[in-house]
Amino acid sequence: MSVINRRIRGFRLVDLIALGLLVLLIMSVYLAKTIASRERAEIASVERQIAAERAQIRLLQAEVAHLEQPSRIERLSTTYLQMGPVAVAQETTPETLASLAAPEARR
């Protein structure tokens, strides 16, 4: 008897081997699909996190733009620091800076 024609409980050995391979193939495809769906869910989760982070970045950029408004900074400096515009008498040129700093250094 050859291996191809040999029978085990009424089935040819080749048929049993083919059935085993088919079951193994089905299980591997099922496992691959399960892993792929898990990864797909993880990718979707990461994409949601990225979208949330981008929204947070846009919100923070808008807040920074609001905080950096010159009119707001001017109002705060006047209110809390009692600062105002520089008087014309206080303005100087780069050439006269050395003479202005000299009396400060002697003290």
N, C-alpha and C. Protein backbone atom coordinates (compact mmCIF):
# COMPACT_ATOMS: atom_id res chain seq x y z
N MET A 1 0.82 -1.20 0.00
CA MET A 1 0.00 0.00 0.00
C MET A 1 0.86 1.25 0.00
N SER A 2 0.47 2.21 -0.76
CA SER A 2 1.20 3.48 -0.78
C SER A 2 0.60 4.44 0.24
N VAL A 3 1.32 5.49 0.53
CA VAL A 3 0.89 6.49 1.52
C VAL A 3 -0.37 7.19 1.04
N ILE A 4 -0.50 7.38 -0.24
CA ILE A 4 -1.66 8.09 -0.79
C ILE A 4 -2.93 7.26 -0.63
N ASN A 5 -2.83 5.98 -0.79
CA ASN A 5 -4.01 5.12 -0.72
C ASN A 5 -4.25 4.54 0.68
N ARG A 6 -3.37 4.76 1.60
CA ARG A 6 -3.54 4.20 2.92
C ARG A 6 -4.74 4.82 3.61
N ARG A 7 -5.53 4.04 4.26
CA ARG A 7 -6.76 4.51 4.90
C ARG A 7 -6.66 4.39 6.41
N ILE A 8 -7.17 5.41 7.10
CA ILE A 8 -7.27 5.41 8.56
C ILE A 8 -8.71 5.68 8.90
N ARG A 9 -9.38 4.66 9.49
CA ARG A 9 -10.80 4.72 9.86
C ARG A 9 -11.66 5.16 8.69
N GLY A 10 -11.38 4.73 7.55
CA GLY A 10 -12.20 4.98 6.38
C GLY A 10 -11.80 6.22 5.58
N PHE A 11 -10.80 6.97 6.04
CA PHE A 11 -10.35 8.17 5.32
C PHE A 11 -8.95 7.93 4.81
N ARG A 12 -8.68 8.44 3.63
CA ARG A 12 -7.32 8.34 3.11
C ARG A 12 -6.42 9.26 3.90
N LEU A 13 -5.18 8.89 4.08
CA LEU A 13 -4.21 9.68 4.84
C LEU A 13 -4.00 11.05 4.20
N VAL A 14 -4.02 11.13 2.89
CA VAL A 14 -3.86 12.40 2.17
C VAL A 14 -5.02 13.33 2.51
N ASP A 15 -6.24 12.79 2.60
CA ASP A 15 -7.40 13.61 2.94
C ASP A 15 -7.28 14.16 4.37
N LEU A 16 -6.79 13.35 5.28
CA LEU A 16 -6.63 13.81 6.66
C LEU A 16 -5.56 14.90 6.77
N ILE A 17 -4.48 14.73 6.04
CA ILE A 17 -3.42 15.75 6.04
C ILE A 17 -3.95 17.05 5.43
N ALA A 18 -4.70 16.96 4.35
CA ALA A 18 -5.29 18.14 3.71
C ALA A 18 -6.27 18.83 4.65
N LEU A 19 -7.06 18.06 5.38
CA LEU A 19 -8.01 18.62 6.34
C LEU A 19 -7.26 19.33 7.46
N GLY A 20 -6.19 18.74 7.94
CA GLY A 20 -5.37 19.37 8.98
C GLY A 20 -4.78 20.68 8.51
N LEU A 21 -4.26 20.68 7.29
CA LEU A 21 -3.70 21.92 6.73
C LEU A 21 -4.78 22.98 6.55
N LEU A 22 -5.98 22.57 6.13
CA LEU A 22 -7.08 23.50 5.96
C LEU A 22 -7.47 24.12 7.31
N VAL A 23 -7.55 23.31 8.34
CA VAL A 23 -7.87 23.82 9.68
C VAL A 23 -6.78 24.78 10.14
N LEU A 24 -5.53 24.43 9.92
CA LEU A 24 -4.41 25.30 10.29
C LEU A 24 -4.48 26.62 9.53
N LEU A 25 -4.81 26.58 8.26
CA LEU A 25 -4.94 27.79 7.46
C LEU A 25 -6.08 28.66 7.96
N ILE A 26 -7.20 28.05 8.28
CA ILE A 26 -8.36 28.80 8.79
C ILE A 26 -8.00 29.48 10.11
N MET A 27 -7.33 28.76 10.99
CA MET A 27 -6.94 29.33 12.29
C MET A 27 -5.95 30.49 12.12
N SER A 28 -5.02 30.36 11.18
CA SER A 28 -4.04 31.43 10.97
C SER A 28 -4.71 32.67 10.39
N VAL A 29 -5.67 32.50 9.49
CA VAL A 29 -6.39 33.64 8.92
C VAL A 29 -7.21 34.33 10.02
N TYR A 30 -7.87 33.53 10.87
CA TYR A 30 -8.65 34.10 11.97
C TYR A 30 -7.75 34.87 12.92
N LEU A 31 -6.59 34.31 13.25
CA LEU A 31 -5.65 34.99 14.13
C LEU A 31 -5.16 36.29 13.50
N ALA A 32 -4.86 36.27 12.22
CA ALA A 32 -4.39 37.47 11.53
C ALA A 32 -5.47 38.56 11.53
N LYS A 33 -6.72 38.16 11.31
CA LYS A 33 -7.82 39.14 11.32
C LYS A 33 -8.00 39.72 12.72
N THR A 34 -7.87 38.90 13.74
CA THR A 34 -8.02 39.38 15.11
C THR A 34 -6.93 40.38 15.45
N ILE A 35 -5.71 40.07 15.09
CA ILE A 35 -4.59 40.98 15.35
C ILE A 35 -4.78 42.28 14.57
N ALA A 36 -5.22 42.18 13.31
CA ALA A 36 -5.42 43.37 12.49
C ALA A 36 -6.52 44.26 13.06
N SER A 37 -7.59 43.67 13.56
CA SER A 37 -8.66 44.49 14.13
C SER A 37 -8.20 45.18 15.41
N ARG A 38 -7.38 44.50 16.21
CA ARG A 38 -6.83 45.12 17.40
C ARG A 38 -5.95 46.31 17.04
N GLU A 39 -5.12 46.14 16.03
CA GLU A 39 -4.25 47.22 15.60
C GLU A 39 -5.06 48.37 15.00
N ARG A 40 -6.11 48.04 14.27
CA ARG A 40 -6.98 49.07 13.70
C ARG A 40 -7.61 49.91 14.81
N ALA A 41 -8.05 49.25 15.88
CA ALA A 41 -8.64 49.96 17.02
C ALA A 41 -7.60 50.84 17.70
N GLU A 42 -6.39 50.34 17.81
CA GLU A 42 -5.32 51.13 18.43
C GLU A 42 -4.98 52.35 17.56
N ILE A 43 -4.94 52.17 16.26
CA ILE A 43 -4.67 53.28 15.35
C ILE A 43 -5.76 54.33 15.46
N ALA A 44 -7.01 53.90 15.53
CA ALA A 44 -8.12 54.85 15.68
C ALA A 44 -8.01 55.61 16.99
N SER A 45 -7.60 54.94 18.04
CA SER A 45 -7.41 55.60 19.34
C SER A 45 -6.31 56.65 19.26
N VAL A 46 -5.21 56.31 18.63
CA VAL A 46 -4.11 57.26 18.49
C VAL A 46 -4.53 58.45 17.63
N GLU A 47 -5.29 58.21 16.58
CA GLU A 47 -5.76 59.31 15.74
C GLU A 47 -6.70 60.23 16.51
N ARG A 48 -7.53 59.67 17.39
CA ARG A 48 -8.39 60.51 18.23
C ARG A 48 -7.56 61.35 19.18
N GLN A 49 -6.50 60.76 19.74
CA GLN A 49 -5.61 61.51 20.63
C GLN A 49 -4.92 62.64 19.88
N ILE A 50 -4.50 62.37 18.65
CA ILE A 50 -3.84 63.39 17.83
C ILE A 50 -4.81 64.54 17.56
N ALA A 51 -6.05 64.23 17.22
CA ALA A 51 -7.05 65.27 16.98
C ALA A 51 -7.29 66.10 18.23
N ALA A 52 -7.35 65.45 19.38
CA ALA A 52 -7.55 66.18 20.64
C ALA A 52 -6.36 67.08 20.94
N GLU A 53 -5.16 66.59 20.69
CA GLU A 53 -3.96 67.40 20.93
C GLU A 53 -3.92 68.60 19.98
N ARG A 54 -4.31 68.39 18.72
CA ARG A 54 -4.35 69.52 17.78
C ARG A 54 -5.35 70.57 18.21
N ALA A 55 -6.50 70.13 18.71
CA ALA A 55 -7.50 71.08 19.21
C ALA A 55 -6.94 71.84 20.41
N GLN A 56 -6.22 71.15 21.28
CA GLN A 56 -5.61 71.80 22.44
C GLN A 56 -4.56 72.81 21.99
N ILE A 57 -3.78 72.46 20.98
CA ILE A 57 -2.76 73.38 20.46
C ILE A 57 -3.42 74.64 19.90
N ARG A 58 -4.50 74.46 19.13
CA ARG A 58 -5.20 75.63 18.58
C ARG A 58 -5.74 76.52 19.70
N LEU A 59 -6.27 75.91 20.74
CA LEU A 59 -6.79 76.68 21.87
C LEU A 59 -5.67 77.45 22.57
N LEU A 60 -4.53 76.79 22.77
CA LEU A 60 -3.41 77.48 23.42
C LEU A 60 -2.83 78.59 22.54
N GLN A 61 -2.81 78.39 21.23
CA GLN A 61 -2.32 79.44 20.34
C GLN A 61 -3.25 80.65 20.38
N ALA A 62 -4.56 80.41 20.45
CA ALA A 62 -5.51 81.51 20.56
C ALA A 62 -5.32 82.25 21.88
N GLU A 63 -5.06 81.51 22.96
CA GLU A 63 -4.84 82.14 24.26
C GLU A 63 -3.56 82.98 24.25
N VAL A 64 -2.51 82.47 23.63
CA VAL A 64 -1.26 83.22 23.53
C VAL A 64 -1.47 84.49 22.71
N ALA A 65 -2.20 84.39 21.62
CA ALA A 65 -2.48 85.57 20.79
C ALA A 65 -3.24 86.62 21.60
N HIS A 66 -4.18 86.17 22.42
CA HIS A 66 -4.93 87.11 23.27
C HIS A 66 -4.01 87.75 24.30
N LEU A 67 -3.16 86.95 24.94
CA LEU A 67 -2.28 87.47 25.98
C LEU A 67 -1.21 88.41 25.44
N GLU A 68 -0.84 88.25 24.17
CA GLU A 68 0.22 89.08 23.59
C GLU A 68 -0.30 90.35 22.91
N GLN A 69 -1.57 90.66 23.05
CA GLN A 69 -2.11 91.86 22.42
C GLN A 69 -1.45 93.10 23.02
N PRO A 70 -0.91 93.97 22.19
CA PRO A 70 -0.22 95.16 22.71
C PRO A 70 -1.12 96.04 23.58
N SER A 71 -2.36 96.19 23.22
CA SER A 71 -3.25 97.04 24.02
C SER A 71 -3.45 96.45 25.41
N ARG A 72 -3.53 95.14 25.51
CA ARG A 72 -3.69 94.49 26.81
C ARG A 72 -2.43 94.67 27.66
N ILE A 73 -1.27 94.47 27.04
CA ILE A 73 0.00 94.63 27.77
C ILE A 73 0.17 96.08 28.23
N GLU A 74 -0.20 97.03 27.37
CA GLU A 74 -0.09 98.43 27.74
C GLU A 74 -1.02 98.76 28.92
N ARG A 75 -2.23 98.25 28.88
CA ARG A 75 -3.19 98.49 29.96
C ARG A 75 -2.67 97.89 31.27
N LEU A 76 -2.14 96.68 31.21
CA LEU A 76 -1.62 96.05 32.43
C LEU A 76 -0.40 96.78 32.98
N SER A 77 0.49 97.24 32.10
CA SER A 77 1.68 97.95 32.57
C SER A 77 1.31 99.29 33.19
N THR A 78 0.29 99.94 32.68
CA THR A 78 -0.16 101.20 33.25
C THR A 78 -0.85 100.96 34.59
N THR A 79 -1.70 99.93 34.64
CA THR A 79 -2.48 99.67 35.85
C THR A 79 -1.63 99.15 36.99
N TYR A 80 -0.82 98.15 36.75
CA TYR A 80 -0.11 97.48 37.84
C TYR A 80 1.32 97.96 38.07
N LEU A 81 1.96 98.46 37.04
CA LEU A 81 3.36 98.87 37.18
C LEU A 81 3.54 100.38 37.12
N GLN A 82 2.46 101.11 36.94
CA GLN A 82 2.48 102.57 36.81
C GLN A 82 3.50 103.02 35.75
N MET A 83 3.54 102.29 34.68
CA MET A 83 4.45 102.63 33.59
C MET A 83 3.68 103.44 32.55
N GLY A 84 4.39 104.31 31.85
CA GLY A 84 3.76 105.11 30.81
C GLY A 84 4.71 105.27 29.65
N PRO A 85 4.30 106.00 28.65
CA PRO A 85 5.19 106.24 27.52
C PRO A 85 6.43 107.03 27.97
N VAL A 86 7.52 106.85 27.26
CA VAL A 86 8.76 107.54 27.58
C VAL A 86 8.63 109.00 27.15
N ALA A 87 9.01 109.89 28.06
CA ALA A 87 8.97 111.32 27.74
C ALA A 87 10.09 111.65 26.76
N VAL A 88 9.92 112.73 26.01
CA VAL A 88 10.91 113.12 25.01
C VAL A 88 12.23 113.47 25.68
N ALA A 89 12.17 114.04 26.87
CA ALA A 89 13.40 114.42 27.58
C ALA A 89 14.20 113.20 28.02
N GLN A 90 13.58 112.08 28.13
CA GLN A 90 14.27 110.87 28.57
C GLN A 90 14.88 110.08 27.42
N GLU A 91 14.56 110.43 26.20
CA GLU A 91 15.11 109.72 25.05
C GLU A 91 16.56 110.10 24.85
N THR A 92 17.35 109.17 24.31
CA THR A 92 18.77 109.41 24.07
C THR A 92 19.19 108.72 22.78
N THR A 93 20.41 108.98 22.38
CA THR A 93 20.96 108.35 21.18
C THR A 93 22.05 107.37 21.60
N PRO A 94 22.43 106.47 20.74
CA PRO A 94 23.49 105.51 21.10
C PRO A 94 24.81 106.18 21.45
N GLU A 95 25.11 107.32 20.86
CA GLU A 95 26.38 108.01 21.13
C GLU A 95 26.43 108.56 22.55
N THR A 96 25.30 108.96 23.10
CA THR A 96 25.29 109.57 24.44
C THR A 96 25.10 108.54 25.55
N LEU A 97 24.95 107.30 25.23
CA LEU A 97 24.75 106.27 26.25
C LEU A 97 25.97 106.13 27.16
N ALA A 98 27.16 106.25 26.60
CA ALA A 98 28.38 106.11 27.41
C ALA A 98 28.46 107.22 28.46
N SER A 99 28.11 108.43 28.08
CA SER A 99 28.17 109.52 29.05
C SER A 99 27.08 109.39 30.11
N LEU A 100 25.98 108.78 29.77
CA LEU A 100 24.92 108.58 30.77
C LEU A 100 25.29 107.45 31.73
N ALA A 101 25.99 106.45 31.28
CA ALA A 101 26.36 105.33 32.12
C ALA A 101 27.55 105.63 33.01
N ALA A 102 28.36 106.58 32.65
CA ALA A 102 29.56 106.90 33.43
C ALA A 102 29.23 107.36 34.85
N PRO A 103 28.29 108.28 35.07
CA PRO A 103 27.98 108.67 36.45
C PRO A 103 27.47 107.49 37.28
N GLU A 104 26.79 106.56 36.69
CA GLU A 104 26.27 105.38 37.39
C GLU A 104 27.42 104.50 37.89
N ALA A 105 28.47 104.39 37.10
CA ALA A 105 29.60 103.52 37.44
C ALA A 105 30.42 104.10 38.57
N ARG A 106 30.44 105.41 38.77
CA ARG A 106 31.25 106.06 39.81
C ARG A 106 30.63 105.92 41.19
N ARG A 107 29.36 105.64 41.27
CA ARG A 107 28.70 105.58 42.58
C ARG A 107 29.11 104.41 43.39
